[in-house]
């Protein structure tokens, strides 16, 4: 179970987007951002991708976090059916192509 901890607000072109960030408990120092985008099932894993952010490595002045889509990775279930992966909540389904990050496993 994850706790909704905050959100990232950003623009791609002229369109604004929001992604929810989660923690597994309130003491955790990192954030978990599961997301889907319109590349899923074509260029990237069909169930979505994840980004993990560390509170030391991925923050800048005044506690602002850096959301870097280059860090997006496929969940373990993309490589082995023995793993189950957290469901990406619909609030984190983006209607845009995120071309950065790990691509589909063949």
Protein backbone atom coordinates (compact mmCIF):
# COMPACT_ATOMS: atom_id res chain seq x y z
CA UNK A 1 0.00 0.00 0.00
CA UNK A 2 1.27 3.46 -0.87
CA UNK A 3 0.54 6.86 0.64
CA UNK A 4 -0.19 9.72 -1.74
CA UNK A 5 2.51 12.19 -0.75
CA UNK A 6 2.40 15.04 -3.24
CA UNK A 7 2.20 15.89 -6.88
CA UNK A 8 4.34 17.09 -9.73
CA UNK A 9 2.88 19.81 -11.95
CA UNK A 10 4.60 20.36 -15.27
CA UNK A 11 4.07 21.37 -18.87
CA UNK A 12 4.81 19.64 -22.11
CA UNK A 13 4.34 22.20 -24.82
CA UNK A 14 1.32 24.28 -23.87
CA UNK A 15 -0.44 21.51 -21.97
CA UNK A 16 -0.27 21.17 -18.19
CA UNK A 17 -0.02 17.79 -16.52
CA UNK A 18 -0.04 16.46 -12.97
CA UNK A 19 1.49 13.26 -11.62
CA UNK A 20 0.89 12.00 -8.11
CA UNK A 21 3.91 10.91 -6.05
CA UNK A 22 3.76 8.21 -3.41
CA UNK A 23 5.66 6.81 -0.43
CA UNK A 24 5.38 3.36 1.13
CA UNK A 25 5.41 5.00 4.59
CA UNK A 26 5.66 8.53 5.93
CA UNK A 27 9.29 8.10 7.11
CA UNK A 28 10.55 7.07 3.68
CA UNK A 29 13.00 9.55 2.12
CA UNK A 30 12.18 8.74 -1.49
CA UNK A 31 9.22 9.16 -3.82
CA UNK A 32 7.64 6.63 -6.17
CA UNK A 33 5.96 7.89 -9.33
CA UNK A 34 4.14 5.26 -11.39
CA UNK A 35 2.78 6.51 -14.71
CA UNK A 36 1.34 5.51 -18.05
CA UNK A 37 1.51 7.47 -21.28
CA UNK A 38 0.45 6.95 -24.88
CA UNK A 39 3.65 5.03 -25.72
CA UNK A 40 2.56 2.10 -23.50
CA UNK A 41 2.08 -1.12 -25.43
CA UNK A 42 3.86 0.28 -28.48
CA UNK A 43 7.26 1.69 -27.53
CA UNK A 44 7.17 1.03 -23.79
CA UNK A 45 5.85 -1.63 -21.43
CA UNK A 46 2.06 -1.90 -21.68
CA UNK A 47 1.26 -1.57 -17.96
CA UNK A 48 3.32 1.59 -17.45
CA UNK A 49 6.66 2.69 -16.07
CA UNK A 50 8.00 3.94 -12.77
CA UNK A 51 10.33 6.65 -11.50
CA UNK A 52 12.04 6.52 -8.09
CA UNK A 53 13.39 9.77 -6.67
CA UNK A 54 15.73 10.17 -3.71
CA UNK A 55 15.28 13.18 -1.39
CA UNK A 56 19.02 14.02 -1.52
CA UNK A 57 19.91 13.29 -5.15
CA UNK A 58 16.74 14.62 -6.78
CA UNK A 59 15.98 17.88 -4.99
CA UNK A 60 17.13 21.45 -5.52
CA UNK A 61 16.79 24.68 -3.57
CA UNK A 62 13.84 25.08 -1.20
CA UNK A 63 12.98 21.38 -1.27
CA UNK A 64 11.85 21.30 -4.88
CA UNK A 65 12.08 17.89 -6.49
CA UNK A 66 13.40 17.18 -9.99
CA UNK A 67 11.10 14.96 -12.07
CA UNK A 68 13.37 13.47 -14.74
CA UNK A 69 11.60 11.17 -17.20
CA UNK A 70 15.00 9.84 -18.32
CA UNK A 71 14.87 7.87 -15.04
CA UNK A 72 11.65 6.04 -16.07
CA UNK A 73 12.08 2.28 -15.91
CA UNK A 74 10.06 -0.84 -16.62
CA UNK A 75 8.71 -2.71 -13.59
CA UNK A 76 10.04 -6.21 -12.82
CA UNK A 77 6.85 -7.75 -14.20
CA UNK A 78 7.92 -6.56 -17.68
CA UNK A 79 10.73 -9.12 -17.54
CA UNK A 80 9.28 -11.99 -15.53
CA UNK A 81 5.68 -13.07 -14.98
CA UNK A 82 6.57 -14.30 -11.46
CA UNK A 83 6.54 -10.65 -10.33
CA UNK A 84 3.43 -8.62 -9.70
CA UNK A 85 3.59 -4.88 -10.13
CA UNK A 86 1.65 -2.04 -8.55
CA UNK A 87 -1.24 -0.83 -10.69
CA UNK A 88 -0.73 2.66 -12.11
CA UNK A 89 -3.71 4.67 -10.84
CA UNK A 90 -5.77 6.39 -13.56
CA UNK A 91 -4.84 9.81 -12.13
CA UNK A 92 -1.29 9.10 -13.39
CA UNK A 93 -2.28 8.21 -16.96
CA UNK A 94 -0.82 10.90 -19.21
CA UNK A 95 -2.35 11.68 -22.58
CA UNK A 96 1.02 12.50 -24.08
CA UNK A 97 4.00 10.51 -25.35
CA UNK A 98 6.91 10.40 -22.91
CA UNK A 99 9.80 9.58 -25.22
CA UNK A 100 12.41 9.44 -22.43
CA UNK A 101 13.32 6.53 -20.20
CA UNK A 102 13.47 2.78 -20.67
CA UNK A 103 11.75 1.35 -23.72
CA UNK A 104 9.83 -1.89 -24.26
CA UNK A 105 11.58 -5.14 -23.38
CA UNK A 106 11.74 -7.58 -26.28
